[in-house]
């Protein structure tokens, strides 16, 4: 009962606007009081948990995202994709989806993708006839490809808190990511001409100022080489995910300073400070969540939850549906980091008991975050997309719900009930 009260307290604190890290601190204080836990021992265990080589990748990938935004890398990626597919029917919307996917394959974060891709593309999309409400909704859900496409910060956190292989979790989310990209592109093409009319590329929308295909490819080549280097290095055994993060940050810095020359000491310093602030918040959340997890484990809360649910629901399929629903609701209230570090370890024993591989569960959690992060009342990514798009959240909710209902939910259900979509690549690479 105390465990459920703790989760309810965490959700309540977030709803009333308490910062996420201090919401976790409040829950920890309650659990220390409720279970009479030794705070000194918990602090030591929490410190040992965050003292991890794997977590060094976190600030480096976050820094890579900020350097991509300030160093001109995102701009060249968007120009390249617009030149290649932007002039086809629904091409501008598809360009946003593809740009978010490539951005996610380098930075591994959704917030940086929203800021970078949204700032560049919302205006041109409006000039091509896309309503700002629809563009912001599409930006919100497509930016979350950064959670699914490796190297994903969410998957790093999942691997750390559940003691799984980072590379295996990376590989597991590739299939759902490809499915989500295809679904968004198809849904966007269906929407064009039915809910709004896309203007031709000959209109004064700025596309005529874009470089030709050859020139755009040459300009974008350094940026396009980053995901190849990162993922090829990880799965080719050249370097670990942590080393890949260092390579990504160094490469983004070199490209920004010496190739594109959009990065200077001032913007570099601001990127470092922003990355440090983001990382500090996440590490605090991790510290408190590890301490909470120790209390839960010592009191056998996950095992008791498994026994309770197994007693109430005997059908494994119904258990999967119930967990999916809970994950979506949790994602509607909490951010992706909170869902990953608190809810995922809590339900992992139940999933294993139901025959779900832990690496498969990583994909399920990631897909549920995609839906929850765009669903009110909290909807952190959707609200950020609305701020970037300069549009009211009330106008964006309906298009966002439509994309989640016809793309996000089907992708999550396929991911949940077709394990091979998530396990094929990890097995092929020998991770599971």
Protein backbone atom coordinates (compact mmCIF):
# COMPACT_ATOMS: atom_id res chain seq x y z
CA UNK A 1 0.00 0.00 0.00
CA UNK A 2 2.82 2.41 0.88
CA UNK A 3 4.34 1.83 -2.57
CA UNK A 4 1.12 2.84 -4.31
CA UNK A 5 0.83 5.87 -2.04
CA UNK A 6 4.39 6.83 -3.00
CA UNK A 7 3.58 6.67 -6.73
CA UNK A 8 0.40 8.66 -6.14
CA UNK A 9 2.36 11.24 -4.14
CA UNK A 10 4.92 11.55 -6.94
CA UNK A 11 2.18 12.16 -9.51
CA UNK A 12 0.45 14.68 -7.23
CA UNK A 13 3.63 16.67 -6.63
CA UNK A 14 4.31 16.84 -10.37
CA UNK A 15 0.74 17.90 -11.16
CA UNK A 16 0.90 20.82 -8.71
CA UNK A 17 4.15 21.99 -10.31
CA UNK A 18 6.88 20.84 -7.94
CA UNK A 19 10.15 20.39 -9.91
CA UNK A 20 10.67 16.76 -10.89
CA UNK A 21 13.86 16.21 -8.88
CA UNK A 22 12.31 17.61 -5.70
CA UNK A 23 9.15 15.59 -6.29
CA UNK A 24 11.35 12.51 -6.06
CA UNK A 25 12.98 13.93 -2.94
CA UNK A 26 9.54 14.35 -1.35
CA UNK A 27 8.60 10.75 -2.17
CA UNK A 28 11.92 9.55 -0.76
CA UNK A 29 11.30 11.46 2.49
CA UNK A 30 7.85 9.86 2.78
CA UNK A 31 9.22 6.35 2.17
CA UNK A 32 12.08 6.78 4.63
CA UNK A 33 9.48 7.77 7.24
CA UNK A 34 6.97 5.07 6.28
CA UNK A 35 9.49 2.20 6.27
CA UNK A 36 11.85 3.57 8.93
CA UNK A 37 14.77 3.23 6.49
CA UNK A 38 18.37 4.05 7.33
CA UNK A 39 19.09 7.24 5.37
CA UNK A 40 22.87 6.94 5.75
CA UNK A 41 22.87 3.50 4.15
CA UNK A 42 20.53 4.68 1.40
CA UNK A 43 22.79 7.63 0.57
CA UNK A 44 25.79 5.32 0.26
CA UNK A 45 23.88 2.87 -1.96
CA UNK A 46 22.50 5.70 -4.07
CA UNK A 47 25.96 7.17 -4.59
CA UNK A 48 27.35 3.80 -5.63
CA UNK A 49 24.52 3.37 -8.12
CA UNK A 50 25.13 6.68 -9.90
CA UNK A 51 28.91 6.12 -9.78
CA UNK A 52 28.67 4.30 -13.11
CA UNK A 53 30.79 4.46 -16.24
CA UNK A 54 27.67 4.00 -18.36
CA UNK A 55 26.16 7.21 -16.97
CA UNK A 56 29.11 9.20 -18.32
CA UNK A 57 27.37 8.83 -21.69
CA UNK A 58 24.42 10.86 -20.40
CA UNK A 59 26.01 14.35 -20.23
CA UNK A 60 27.97 13.69 -23.42
CA UNK A 61 24.90 12.84 -25.50
CA UNK A 62 23.02 15.78 -23.98
CA UNK A 63 25.92 18.06 -24.89
CA UNK A 64 25.92 16.62 -28.43
CA UNK A 65 22.28 17.65 -28.81
CA UNK A 66 22.97 21.22 -27.75
CA UNK A 67 26.04 21.42 -30.00
CA UNK A 68 23.99 20.21 -32.95
CA UNK A 69 21.51 22.99 -32.31
CA UNK A 70 24.07 25.77 -31.90
CA UNK A 71 26.67 24.48 -34.36
CA UNK A 72 24.55 24.48 -37.52
CA UNK A 73 24.35 20.68 -37.80
CA UNK A 74 20.56 20.57 -37.47
CA UNK A 75 20.16 23.29 -40.14
CA UNK A 76 22.20 21.30 -42.70
CA UNK A 77 20.30 18.11 -41.94
CA UNK A 78 16.96 19.83 -42.48
CA UNK A 79 18.13 21.47 -45.71
CA UNK A 80 19.31 18.10 -47.05
CA UNK A 81 16.04 16.33 -46.25
CA UNK A 82 13.90 19.19 -47.61
CA UNK A 83 15.81 19.14 -50.90
CA UNK A 84 15.40 15.37 -51.22
CA UNK A 85 11.73 14.91 -50.33
CA UNK A 86 10.29 18.34 -49.42
CA UNK A 87 8.66 19.07 -52.79
CA UNK A 88 6.52 15.92 -52.95
CA UNK A 89 2.95 15.76 -51.65
CA UNK A 90 3.24 15.74 -47.88
CA UNK A 91 6.99 16.15 -48.32
CA UNK A 92 7.45 18.99 -45.87
CA UNK A 93 5.77 17.05 -43.06
CA UNK A 94 7.76 13.95 -43.98
CA UNK A 95 10.90 16.10 -43.91
CA UNK A 96 10.18 17.02 -40.29
CA UNK A 97 9.73 13.35 -39.37
CA UNK A 98 12.93 12.27 -41.10
CA UNK A 99 14.91 15.20 -39.67
CA UNK A 100 13.74 14.28 -36.16
CA UNK A 101 14.77 10.67 -36.75
CA UNK A 102 18.27 11.56 -37.93
CA UNK A 103 18.63 14.10 -35.12
CA UNK A 104 17.64 11.40 -32.63
CA UNK A 105 20.24 9.04 -34.10
CA UNK A 106 22.91 11.53 -33.06
CA UNK A 107 21.70 13.27 -29.89
CA UNK A 108 19.38 10.66 -28.31
CA UNK A 109 17.03 13.22 -26.78
CA UNK A 110 13.59 14.58 -27.65
CA UNK A 111 13.81 18.07 -26.13
CA UNK A 112 16.80 19.08 -28.26
CA UNK A 113 15.01 17.80 -31.37
CA UNK A 114 11.91 19.88 -30.57
CA UNK A 115 13.95 23.05 -30.15
CA UNK A 116 16.23 22.51 -33.13
CA UNK A 117 13.89 21.03 -35.75
CA UNK A 118 10.88 23.08 -34.64
CA UNK A 119 12.69 26.41 -34.78
CA UNK A 120 13.87 25.66 -38.31
CA UNK A 121 10.76 24.05 -39.83
CA UNK A 122 7.55 25.41 -38.25
CA UNK A 123 7.71 28.66 -40.27
CA UNK A 124 8.31 27.02 -43.68
CA UNK A 125 5.60 24.47 -42.93
CA UNK A 126 3.10 27.27 -42.29
CA UNK A 127 4.09 28.93 -45.57
CA UNK A 128 3.38 25.65 -47.35
CA UNK A 129 -0.14 25.54 -45.89
CA UNK A 130 0.38 23.41 -42.78
CA UNK A 131 -1.59 24.77 -39.79
CA UNK A 132 0.68 25.62 -36.88
CA UNK A 133 -1.44 23.42 -34.60
CA UNK A 134 -0.90 20.37 -36.82
CA UNK A 135 2.81 21.14 -37.35
CA UNK A 136 3.35 21.45 -33.60
CA UNK A 137 1.55 18.16 -32.96
CA UNK A 138 3.63 16.41 -35.64
CA UNK A 139 6.79 17.96 -34.18
CA UNK A 140 5.88 16.74 -30.69
CA UNK A 141 5.43 13.09 -31.61
CA UNK A 142 8.21 12.90 -34.23
CA UNK A 143 10.75 14.46 -31.87
CA UNK A 144 10.20 11.48 -29.57
CA UNK A 145 11.95 9.34 -32.14
CA UNK A 146 15.00 10.40 -30.14
CA UNK A 147 13.72 8.09 -27.37
CA UNK A 148 13.45 5.12 -29.75
CA UNK A 149 16.36 5.59 -32.15
CA UNK A 150 19.74 4.78 -30.62
CA UNK A 151 21.68 6.25 -28.97
CA UNK A 152 18.71 6.98 -26.71
CA UNK A 153 19.19 8.54 -23.28
CA UNK A 154 15.95 6.86 -22.14
CA UNK A 155 17.33 3.45 -23.11
CA UNK A 156 20.58 4.19 -21.29
CA UNK A 157 18.61 4.95 -18.12
CA UNK A 158 16.45 1.85 -18.57
CA UNK A 159 19.56 -0.31 -18.96
CA UNK A 160 21.14 1.20 -15.85
CA UNK A 161 18.12 0.82 -13.54
CA UNK A 162 17.22 -2.70 -14.77
CA UNK A 163 20.80 -3.99 -15.15
CA UNK A 164 20.46 -4.75 -18.87
CA UNK A 165 22.89 -4.33 -21.75
CA UNK A 166 22.83 -0.78 -23.13
CA UNK A 167 23.61 -2.01 -26.66
CA UNK A 168 20.78 -4.57 -26.45
CA UNK A 169 18.27 -1.90 -25.39
CA UNK A 170 19.50 0.33 -28.22
CA UNK A 171 18.97 -2.44 -30.76
CA UNK A 172 15.54 -3.39 -29.38
CA UNK A 173 14.01 0.01 -30.11
CA UNK A 174 15.13 0.24 -33.75
CA UNK A 175 12.19 -1.79 -35.12
CA UNK A 176 9.49 0.28 -33.34
CA UNK A 177 11.29 3.48 -34.41
CA UNK A 178 11.18 2.50 -38.10
CA UNK A 179 7.52 1.56 -37.73
CA UNK A 180 6.74 4.92 -36.12
CA UNK A 181 8.56 6.84 -38.88
CA UNK A 182 6.62 5.00 -41.59
CA UNK A 183 3.33 5.49 -39.72
CA UNK A 184 3.86 9.24 -39.28
CA UNK A 185 4.83 9.72 -42.93
CA UNK A 186 1.74 7.81 -44.11
CA UNK A 187 -0.55 9.66 -41.68
CA UNK A 188 0.89 13.00 -42.79
CA UNK A 189 0.38 12.16 -46.47
CA UNK A 190 -3.22 11.15 -45.70
CA UNK A 191 -3.85 14.42 -43.83
CA UNK A 192 -2.58 16.62 -46.68
CA UNK A 193 -5.51 17.42 -48.96
CA UNK A 194 -8.10 16.16 -46.48
CA UNK A 195 -7.67 18.37 -43.42
CA UNK A 196 -5.61 21.12 -45.09
CA UNK A 197 -4.11 21.87 -48.49
CA UNK A 198 -0.37 21.92 -49.04
CA UNK A 199 0.78 24.75 -51.28
CA UNK A 200 3.07 23.94 -54.17
CA UNK A 201 6.81 24.37 -53.78
CA UNK A 202 6.74 27.19 -56.31
CA UNK A 203 5.07 29.44 -53.74
CA UNK A 204 7.26 31.97 -51.98
CA UNK A 205 8.10 29.65 -49.10
CA UNK A 206 11.84 29.86 -49.06
CA UNK A 207 12.42 26.49 -50.69
CA UNK A 208 13.83 28.12 -53.81
CA UNK A 209 16.71 29.41 -51.71
CA UNK A 210 17.73 25.88 -50.77
CA UNK A 211 20.87 24.47 -52.43
CA UNK A 212 20.72 21.81 -55.12
CA UNK A 213 20.78 18.11 -54.25
CA UNK A 214 24.49 17.74 -54.82
CA UNK A 215 25.43 20.81 -52.83
CA UNK A 216 23.00 19.96 -50.01
CA UNK A 217 24.47 16.44 -49.80
CA UNK A 218 28.02 17.76 -49.59
CA UNK A 219 27.03 20.29 -46.90
CA UNK A 220 25.15 17.66 -44.89
CA UNK A 221 27.78 14.91 -45.25
CA UNK A 222 29.62 15.71 -41.98
CA UNK A 223 26.31 15.73 -40.10
CA UNK A 224 25.05 12.55 -41.82
CA UNK A 225 28.29 10.76 -40.99
CA UNK A 226 27.71 11.18 -37.24
CA UNK A 227 25.02 8.47 -36.79
CA UNK A 228 27.03 6.11 -39.00
CA UNK A 229 30.11 6.62 -36.85
CA UNK A 230 28.19 6.34 -33.57
CA UNK A 231 26.03 3.29 -34.36
CA UNK A 232 28.64 1.59 -36.53
CA UNK A 233 31.20 1.99 -33.78
CA UNK A 234 28.89 0.58 -31.09
CA UNK A 235 27.60 -2.44 -33.02
CA UNK A 236 30.91 -3.02 -34.79
CA UNK A 237 32.62 -3.41 -31.44
CA UNK A 238 34.93 -0.44 -32.02
CA UNK A 239 33.85 1.37 -28.87
CA UNK A 240 31.33 1.18 -26.03
CA UNK A 241 28.19 3.37 -25.80
CA UNK A 242 30.05 5.62 -23.34
CA UNK A 243 32.96 6.02 -25.74
CA UNK A 244 30.48 6.58 -28.56
CA UNK A 245 29.03 9.49 -26.59
CA UNK A 246 32.48 11.03 -26.25
CA UNK A 247 33.13 10.58 -29.98
CA UNK A 248 29.74 12.15 -30.81
CA UNK A 249 30.35 15.20 -28.61
CA UNK A 250 33.88 15.68 -29.95
CA UNK A 251 32.76 15.26 -33.57
CA UNK A 252 29.85 17.70 -33.12
CA UNK A 253 32.26 20.23 -31.59
CA UNK A 254 34.78 19.86 -34.44
CA UNK A 255 32.06 20.10 -37.12
CA UNK A 256 30.53 23.17 -35.49
CA UNK A 257 33.85 24.97 -35.00
CA UNK A 258 35.88 24.08 -38.06
CA UNK A 259 33.55 22.81 -40.83
CA UNK A 260 30.29 24.77 -40.52
CA UNK A 261 31.91 27.50 -38.38
CA UNK A 262 28.55 28.36 -36.75
CA UNK A 263 29.91 27.51 -33.31
CA UNK A 264 31.93 30.05 -31.34
CA UNK A 265 33.23 30.18 -27.79
CA UNK A 266 30.11 31.99 -26.56
CA UNK A 267 27.60 29.51 -27.99
CA UNK A 268 29.83 26.61 -26.98
CA UNK A 269 29.90 27.84 -23.37
CA UNK A 270 26.12 28.25 -23.35
CA UNK A 271 25.73 24.71 -24.72
CA UNK A 272 27.98 23.32 -22.00
CA UNK A 273 26.07 25.15 -19.26
CA UNK A 274 22.69 24.00 -20.64
CA UNK A 275 23.93 20.41 -20.87
CA UNK A 276 25.24 20.59 -17.30
CA UNK A 277 21.90 21.88 -16.00
CA UNK A 278 19.96 19.15 -17.80
CA UNK A 279 22.38 16.44 -16.65
CA UNK A 280 22.33 17.67 -13.07
CA UNK A 281 18.55 17.38 -12.95
CA UNK A 282 18.58 13.86 -14.39
CA UNK A 283 21.34 12.69 -12.04
CA UNK A 284 19.40 14.02 -9.03
CA UNK A 285 16.33 12.12 -10.23
CA UNK A 286 18.43 8.99 -10.67
CA UNK A 287 19.97 9.32 -7.20
CA UNK A 288 16.60 9.68 -5.49
CA UNK A 289 15.02 6.94 -7.63
CA UNK A 290 17.83 4.50 -6.82
CA UNK A 291 17.31 5.17 -3.12
CA UNK A 292 13.55 4.70 -3.52
CA UNK A 293 14.22 1.50 -5.45
CA UNK A 294 16.36 0.15 -2.61
CA UNK A 295 13.51 0.67 -0.17
CA UNK A 296 11.03 -0.97 -2.55
CA UNK A 297 13.34 -3.93 -3.11
CA UNK A 298 14.00 -4.44 0.60
CA UNK A 299 10.25 -4.42 1.28
CA UNK A 300 9.61 -6.79 -1.69
CA UNK A 301 7.17 -4.33 -3.27
CA UNK A 302 7.83 -5.45 -6.91
CA UNK A 303 7.38 -9.11 -5.95
CA UNK A 304 4.17 -8.34 -4.04
CA UNK A 305 2.90 -6.36 -7.03
CA UNK A 306 3.66 -9.30 -9.31
CA UNK A 307 1.77 -11.71 -7.04
CA UNK A 308 -1.20 -9.33 -6.73
CA UNK A 309 -1.57 -8.73 -10.47
CA UNK A 310 -1.00 -12.42 -11.28
CA UNK A 311 -3.75 -13.33 -8.83
CA UNK A 312 -6.22 -10.80 -10.25
CA UNK A 313 -5.35 -11.35 -13.93
CA UNK A 314 -4.33 -14.81 -15.12
CA UNK A 315 -4.19 -14.04 -18.86
CA UNK A 316 -0.69 -12.77 -19.83
CA UNK A 317 -2.17 -10.74 -22.70
CA UNK A 318 -4.47 -8.89 -20.32
CA UNK A 319 -1.50 -8.24 -18.03
CA UNK A 320 0.38 -6.68 -20.94
CA UNK A 321 -2.60 -4.48 -21.79
CA UNK A 322 -2.99 -3.41 -18.15
CA UNK A 323 0.73 -2.53 -17.88
CA UNK A 324 0.57 -0.59 -21.15
CA UNK A 325 -2.39 1.43 -19.90
CA UNK A 326 -0.61 2.18 -16.62
CA UNK A 327 2.56 3.24 -18.47
CA UNK A 328 0.59 5.59 -20.71
CA UNK A 329 -1.23 7.14 -17.76
CA UNK A 330 2.07 7.51 -15.89
CA UNK A 331 3.60 9.10 -18.99
CA UNK A 332 0.71 11.58 -19.13
CA UNK A 333 1.68 12.83 -15.69
CA UNK A 334 5.41 12.16 -15.41
CA UNK A 335 8.26 12.84 -17.84
CA UNK A 336 10.07 10.04 -19.69
CA UNK A 337 12.97 9.95 -17.19
CA UNK A 338 10.58 9.49 -14.24
CA UNK A 339 8.62 6.71 -15.96
CA UNK A 340 11.83 4.94 -16.93
CA UNK A 341 13.62 5.04 -13.58
CA UNK A 342 10.59 4.47 -11.30
CA UNK A 343 7.81 2.58 -13.07
CA UNK A 344 9.93 0.34 -15.31
CA UNK A 345 11.87 -1.40 -12.48
CA UNK A 346 8.65 -1.74 -10.52
CA UNK A 347 6.93 -3.70 -13.30
CA UNK A 348 9.95 -5.61 -14.61
CA UNK A 349 9.44 -8.69 -12.35
CA UNK A 350 5.79 -8.85 -13.44
CA UNK A 351 6.81 -8.67 -17.10
CA UNK A 352 9.41 -11.41 -16.70
CA UNK A 353 6.82 -13.54 -14.86
CA UNK A 354 4.47 -13.01 -17.84
CA UNK A 355 7.10 -14.22 -20.29
CA UNK A 356 8.29 -10.82 -21.56
CA UNK A 357 12.02 -10.46 -22.14
CA UNK A 358 13.51 -7.46 -20.28
CA UNK A 359 14.92 -6.06 -23.53
CA UNK A 360 11.47 -6.35 -25.14
CA UNK A 361 10.04 -4.51 -22.13
CA UNK A 362 12.49 -1.67 -22.84
CA UNK A 363 10.78 -1.12 -26.22
CA UNK A 364 7.34 -1.26 -24.62
CA UNK A 365 8.32 1.42 -22.09
CA UNK A 366 9.79 3.64 -24.82
CA UNK A 367 6.64 3.38 -26.97
CA UNK A 368 4.40 4.20 -24.02
CA UNK A 369 6.52 7.28 -23.28
CA UNK A 370 5.98 8.47 -26.88
CA UNK A 371 2.23 8.48 -26.25
CA UNK A 372 2.28 9.74 -22.67
CA UNK A 373 4.67 12.63 -23.34
CA UNK A 374 2.17 14.05 -25.85
CA UNK A 375 -0.94 13.53 -23.71
CA UNK A 376 -2.37 16.13 -21.29
CA UNK A 377 -2.41 17.08 -18.45
CA UNK A 378 1.40 17.35 -18.30
CA UNK A 379 2.45 16.46 -21.89
CA UNK A 380 5.92 18.05 -21.52
CA UNK A 381 7.02 17.51 -25.13
CA UNK A 382 3.71 18.68 -26.61
CA UNK A 383 3.77 21.86 -24.50
CA UNK A 384 7.33 22.54 -25.59
CA UNK A 385 6.35 21.99 -29.24
CA UNK A 386 3.49 24.48 -28.79
CA UNK A 387 5.88 27.07 -27.38
CA UNK A 388 8.23 26.59 -30.33
CA UNK A 389 5.29 26.71 -32.76
CA UNK A 390 3.75 29.73 -30.99
CA UNK A 391 0.32 28.14 -30.86
CA UNK A 392 -2.18 27.41 -28.09
CA UNK A 393 -2.12 23.92 -26.59
CA UNK A 394 -5.91 23.80 -26.99
CA UNK A 395 -5.57 23.99 -30.77
CA UNK A 396 -2.87 21.32 -30.84
CA UNK A 397 -4.49 18.68 -28.64
CA UNK A 398 -6.87 17.29 -31.29
CA UNK A 399 -4.23 16.80 -34.03
CA UNK A 400 -1.90 15.31 -31.43
CA UNK A 401 -4.55 12.88 -30.19
CA UNK A 402 -5.30 11.91 -33.79
CA UNK A 403 -1.64 11.10 -34.50
CA UNK A 404 -1.34 9.13 -31.28
CA UNK A 405 -4.59 7.22 -31.86
CA UNK A 406 -3.85 6.25 -35.47
CA UNK A 407 -0.04 5.96 -35.30
CA UNK A 408 1.31 5.91 -31.75
CA UNK A 409 -1.12 3.38 -30.25
CA UNK A 410 -0.92 0.90 -33.16
CA UNK A 411 2.89 1.03 -33.02
CA UNK A 412 2.80 0.40 -29.28
CA UNK A 413 0.39 -2.53 -29.66
CA UNK A 414 2.48 -4.12 -32.42
CA UNK A 415 5.60 -3.64 -30.31
CA UNK A 416 3.88 -5.22 -27.31
CA UNK A 417 2.33 -8.25 -29.01
CA UNK A 418 4.99 -8.95 -31.66
CA UNK A 419 8.15 -9.50 -29.59
CA UNK A 420 10.28 -10.28 -32.65
CA UNK A 421 9.97 -6.65 -33.75
CA UNK A 422 12.10 -5.72 -30.73
CA UNK A 423 14.15 -8.90 -30.28
CA UNK A 424 15.15 -9.69 -33.87
CA UNK A 425 18.03 -7.20 -34.07
CA UNK A 426 19.44 -7.86 -30.54
CA UNK A 427 19.43 -11.60 -31.32
CA UNK A 428 21.02 -11.01 -34.71
CA UNK A 429 23.79 -9.02 -33.05
CA UNK A 430 24.19 -11.58 -30.26
CA UNK A 431 23.04 -9.41 -27.37
CA UNK A 432 20.23 -11.74 -26.17
